[in-house]
Amino acid sequence: MTELLANEIPVEIDSMGKPCPMPLLMLKKQLKKSNGKQLLLLKSSDPHSEIDITRYCEIHHISCQLTKVSVQEFHYLIES
């Protein structure tokens, strides 16, 4: 994580209980709101979000760290 965002509290995107593609659509919406760097915490219960979110971030050169909290809960720390 960069120094600029090291002390920043992430903006939380809660997509728990929402099937794909909603977690990805909610992420895209939040990214459009920002003009600069931001730190996001996306929470999802959809196991397919792992593929969608990580691939989207990879394609767009966005830093993304996945934490599997449980079998049904995934947290993505995204730095754009």
N, C-alpha and C. Protein backbone atom coordinates (compact mmCIF):
# COMPACT_ATOMS: atom_id res chain seq x y z
N MET A 1 0.83 -1.17 0.00
CA MET A 1 0.00 0.00 0.00
C MET A 1 0.88 1.24 0.00
N THR A 2 0.48 2.23 -0.73
CA THR A 2 1.29 3.44 -0.82
C THR A 2 1.18 4.25 0.45
N GLU A 3 2.14 5.13 0.68
CA GLU A 3 2.13 5.99 1.86
C GLU A 3 0.90 6.87 1.90
N LEU A 4 0.49 7.34 0.74
CA LEU A 4 -0.65 8.24 0.64
C LEU A 4 -1.90 7.62 1.25
N LEU A 5 -2.09 6.31 1.06
CA LEU A 5 -3.30 5.65 1.51
C LEU A 5 -3.11 4.84 2.79
N ALA A 6 -1.92 4.84 3.35
CA ALA A 6 -1.61 3.99 4.49
C ALA A 6 -2.51 4.26 5.69
N ASN A 7 -2.87 5.52 5.94
CA ASN A 7 -3.69 5.86 7.11
C ASN A 7 -5.14 6.12 6.75
N GLU A 8 -5.51 5.91 5.52
CA GLU A 8 -6.86 6.18 5.06
C GLU A 8 -7.81 5.05 5.46
N ILE A 9 -9.00 5.41 5.86
CA ILE A 9 -10.03 4.42 6.17
C ILE A 9 -10.73 4.09 4.85
N PRO A 10 -10.83 2.80 4.53
CA PRO A 10 -11.44 2.43 3.24
C PRO A 10 -12.94 2.73 3.19
N VAL A 11 -13.40 3.07 1.99
CA VAL A 11 -14.82 3.21 1.74
C VAL A 11 -15.37 1.79 1.61
N GLU A 12 -16.40 1.48 2.37
CA GLU A 12 -16.94 0.12 2.35
C GLU A 12 -18.04 -0.02 1.31
N ILE A 13 -17.93 -1.09 0.53
CA ILE A 13 -18.97 -1.46 -0.43
C ILE A 13 -19.53 -2.79 0.04
N ASP A 14 -20.76 -2.79 0.51
CA ASP A 14 -21.36 -4.01 1.06
C ASP A 14 -22.26 -4.66 0.02
N SER A 15 -21.76 -5.73 -0.58
CA SER A 15 -22.56 -6.47 -1.56
C SER A 15 -22.92 -7.86 -1.04
N MET A 16 -22.92 -8.00 0.28
CA MET A 16 -23.29 -9.27 0.90
C MET A 16 -24.73 -9.64 0.52
N GLY A 17 -24.92 -10.89 0.11
CA GLY A 17 -26.24 -11.35 -0.27
C GLY A 17 -26.66 -11.03 -1.69
N LYS A 18 -25.80 -10.31 -2.40
CA LYS A 18 -26.11 -9.94 -3.78
C LYS A 18 -25.33 -10.83 -4.75
N PRO A 19 -26.02 -11.46 -5.70
CA PRO A 19 -25.34 -12.34 -6.65
C PRO A 19 -24.57 -11.54 -7.70
N CYS A 20 -23.60 -12.20 -8.32
CA CYS A 20 -22.89 -11.58 -9.43
C CYS A 20 -23.88 -11.30 -10.55
N PRO A 21 -23.72 -10.22 -11.24
CA PRO A 21 -22.57 -9.31 -11.28
C PRO A 21 -22.67 -8.11 -10.35
N MET A 22 -23.58 -8.11 -9.37
CA MET A 22 -23.77 -6.93 -8.52
C MET A 22 -22.51 -6.46 -7.79
N PRO A 23 -21.69 -7.34 -7.20
CA PRO A 23 -20.47 -6.83 -6.55
C PRO A 23 -19.58 -6.05 -7.52
N LEU A 24 -19.43 -6.56 -8.73
CA LEU A 24 -18.61 -5.86 -9.72
C LEU A 24 -19.25 -4.54 -10.14
N LEU A 25 -20.55 -4.53 -10.34
CA LEU A 25 -21.24 -3.30 -10.73
C LEU A 25 -21.16 -2.24 -9.62
N MET A 26 -21.26 -2.68 -8.37
CA MET A 26 -21.14 -1.75 -7.25
C MET A 26 -19.72 -1.19 -7.15
N LEU A 27 -18.72 -2.02 -7.44
CA LEU A 27 -17.33 -1.56 -7.46
C LEU A 27 -17.13 -0.52 -8.55
N LYS A 28 -17.61 -0.82 -9.75
CA LYS A 28 -17.47 0.13 -10.87
C LYS A 28 -18.13 1.47 -10.55
N LYS A 29 -19.30 1.42 -9.95
CA LYS A 29 -20.02 2.65 -9.58
C LYS A 29 -19.19 3.50 -8.61
N GLN A 30 -18.61 2.84 -7.61
CA GLN A 30 -17.81 3.56 -6.62
C GLN A 30 -16.54 4.13 -7.26
N LEU A 31 -15.92 3.38 -8.15
CA LEU A 31 -14.71 3.86 -8.82
C LEU A 31 -15.00 5.09 -9.67
N LYS A 32 -16.18 5.16 -10.28
CA LYS A 32 -16.56 6.32 -11.09
C LYS A 32 -16.77 7.56 -10.25
N LYS A 33 -17.16 7.41 -8.99
CA LYS A 33 -17.40 8.54 -8.10
C LYS A 33 -16.11 9.28 -7.77
N SER A 34 -15.00 8.57 -7.83
CA SER A 34 -13.72 9.14 -7.40
C SER A 34 -12.95 9.71 -8.58
N ASN A 35 -12.30 10.84 -8.33
CA ASN A 35 -11.44 11.43 -9.35
C ASN A 35 -9.98 11.10 -9.12
N GLY A 36 -9.67 10.67 -7.92
CA GLY A 36 -8.28 10.39 -7.59
C GLY A 36 -8.12 9.05 -6.92
N LYS A 37 -7.08 8.94 -6.12
CA LYS A 37 -6.79 7.69 -5.41
C LYS A 37 -7.84 7.46 -4.33
N GLN A 38 -8.19 6.19 -4.16
CA GLN A 38 -9.10 5.85 -3.08
C GLN A 38 -8.83 4.42 -2.63
N LEU A 39 -9.23 4.15 -1.40
CA LEU A 39 -9.09 2.83 -0.81
C LEU A 39 -10.50 2.30 -0.56
N LEU A 40 -10.78 1.10 -1.07
CA LEU A 40 -12.12 0.53 -0.97
C LEU A 40 -12.05 -0.83 -0.29
N LEU A 41 -13.10 -1.17 0.45
CA LEU A 41 -13.25 -2.50 1.02
C LEU A 41 -14.57 -3.04 0.50
N LEU A 42 -14.49 -3.99 -0.41
CA LEU A 42 -15.67 -4.62 -0.99
C LEU A 42 -15.92 -5.92 -0.26
N LYS A 43 -17.13 -6.08 0.28
CA LYS A 43 -17.52 -7.30 0.97
C LYS A 43 -18.53 -8.03 0.10
N SER A 44 -18.29 -9.32 -0.13
CA SER A 44 -19.17 -10.11 -0.99
C SER A 44 -19.38 -11.50 -0.40
N SER A 45 -20.56 -12.05 -0.67
CA SER A 45 -20.85 -13.42 -0.25
C SER A 45 -20.90 -14.36 -1.46
N ASP A 46 -20.77 -13.80 -2.65
CA ASP A 46 -20.85 -14.61 -3.87
C ASP A 46 -19.46 -15.16 -4.22
N PRO A 47 -19.30 -16.49 -4.25
CA PRO A 47 -17.99 -17.07 -4.56
C PRO A 47 -17.50 -16.73 -5.97
N HIS A 48 -18.41 -16.42 -6.88
CA HIS A 48 -18.01 -16.05 -8.24
C HIS A 48 -17.38 -14.66 -8.30
N SER A 49 -17.59 -13.87 -7.25
CA SER A 49 -17.00 -12.53 -7.21
C SER A 49 -15.48 -12.60 -7.22
N GLU A 50 -14.92 -13.69 -6.71
CA GLU A 50 -13.46 -13.83 -6.69
C GLU A 50 -12.89 -13.71 -8.10
N ILE A 51 -13.51 -14.37 -9.05
CA ILE A 51 -13.05 -14.32 -10.44
C ILE A 51 -13.32 -12.94 -11.03
N ASP A 52 -14.56 -12.45 -10.85
CA ASP A 52 -14.96 -11.17 -11.46
C ASP A 52 -14.13 -10.00 -10.95
N ILE A 53 -14.03 -9.87 -9.64
CA ILE A 53 -13.35 -8.71 -9.05
C ILE A 53 -11.85 -8.75 -9.31
N THR A 54 -11.22 -9.90 -9.07
CA THR A 54 -9.77 -9.96 -9.26
C THR A 54 -9.39 -9.77 -10.73
N ARG A 55 -10.17 -10.33 -11.63
CA ARG A 55 -9.87 -10.17 -13.06
C ARG A 55 -10.08 -8.72 -13.51
N TYR A 56 -11.15 -8.09 -13.06
CA TYR A 56 -11.40 -6.69 -13.40
C TYR A 56 -10.23 -5.81 -12.93
N CYS A 57 -9.82 -6.02 -11.68
CA CYS A 57 -8.72 -5.22 -11.13
C CYS A 57 -7.42 -5.48 -11.89
N GLU A 58 -7.18 -6.72 -12.25
CA GLU A 58 -5.97 -7.07 -13.01
C GLU A 58 -5.96 -6.36 -14.37
N ILE A 59 -7.06 -6.40 -15.07
CA ILE A 59 -7.17 -5.78 -16.40
C ILE A 59 -6.96 -4.27 -16.32
N HIS A 60 -7.47 -3.65 -15.25
CA HIS A 60 -7.41 -2.19 -15.12
C HIS A 60 -6.24 -1.72 -14.25
N HIS A 61 -5.34 -2.63 -13.93
CA HIS A 61 -4.12 -2.31 -13.15
C HIS A 61 -4.47 -1.64 -11.82
N ILE A 62 -5.43 -2.24 -11.13
CA ILE A 62 -5.87 -1.77 -9.82
C ILE A 62 -5.41 -2.79 -8.78
N SER A 63 -4.81 -2.31 -7.71
CA SER A 63 -4.34 -3.20 -6.65
C SER A 63 -5.54 -3.80 -5.91
N CYS A 64 -5.51 -5.12 -5.73
CA CYS A 64 -6.62 -5.82 -5.07
C CYS A 64 -6.07 -6.96 -4.22
N GLN A 65 -6.42 -6.94 -2.94
CA GLN A 65 -6.01 -8.01 -2.03
C GLN A 65 -7.26 -8.72 -1.53
N LEU A 66 -7.34 -10.02 -1.77
CA LEU A 66 -8.49 -10.82 -1.37
C LEU A 66 -8.23 -11.49 -0.03
N THR A 67 -9.22 -11.40 0.87
CA THR A 67 -9.19 -12.14 2.12
C THR A 67 -10.46 -12.96 2.18
N LYS A 68 -10.30 -14.28 2.31
CA LYS A 68 -11.46 -15.15 2.46
C LYS A 68 -11.76 -15.25 3.95
N VAL A 69 -12.77 -14.53 4.38
CA VAL A 69 -13.15 -14.48 5.79
C VAL A 69 -13.76 -15.82 6.20
N SER A 70 -14.58 -16.37 5.31
CA SER A 70 -15.19 -17.69 5.52
C SER A 70 -15.54 -18.26 4.15
N VAL A 71 -16.18 -19.41 4.14
CA VAL A 71 -16.57 -20.03 2.88
C VAL A 71 -17.56 -19.14 2.12
N GLN A 72 -18.31 -18.32 2.86
CA GLN A 72 -19.33 -17.48 2.25
C GLN A 72 -19.09 -16.00 2.41
N GLU A 73 -17.86 -15.59 2.74
CA GLU A 73 -17.58 -14.16 2.87
C GLU A 73 -16.18 -13.85 2.35
N PHE A 74 -16.15 -12.91 1.40
CA PHE A 74 -14.92 -12.50 0.75
C PHE A 74 -14.76 -11.00 0.92
N HIS A 75 -13.56 -10.57 1.31
CA HIS A 75 -13.27 -9.15 1.43
C HIS A 75 -12.16 -8.80 0.44
N TYR A 76 -12.37 -7.72 -0.29
CA TYR A 76 -11.39 -7.25 -1.26
C TYR A 76 -10.95 -5.86 -0.85
N LEU A 77 -9.66 -5.68 -0.58
CA LEU A 77 -9.11 -4.38 -0.30
C LEU A 77 -8.55 -3.86 -1.62
N ILE A 78 -9.17 -2.81 -2.12
CA ILE A 78 -8.87 -2.32 -3.47
C ILE A 78 -8.32 -0.91 -3.38
N GLU A 79 -7.19 -0.70 -4.01
CA GLU A 79 -6.54 0.61 -4.03
C GLU A 79 -6.47 1.08 -5.47
N SER A 80 -7.22 2.14 -5.75
CA SER A 80 -7.24 2.65 -7.12
C SER A 80 -6.51 3.96 -7.23
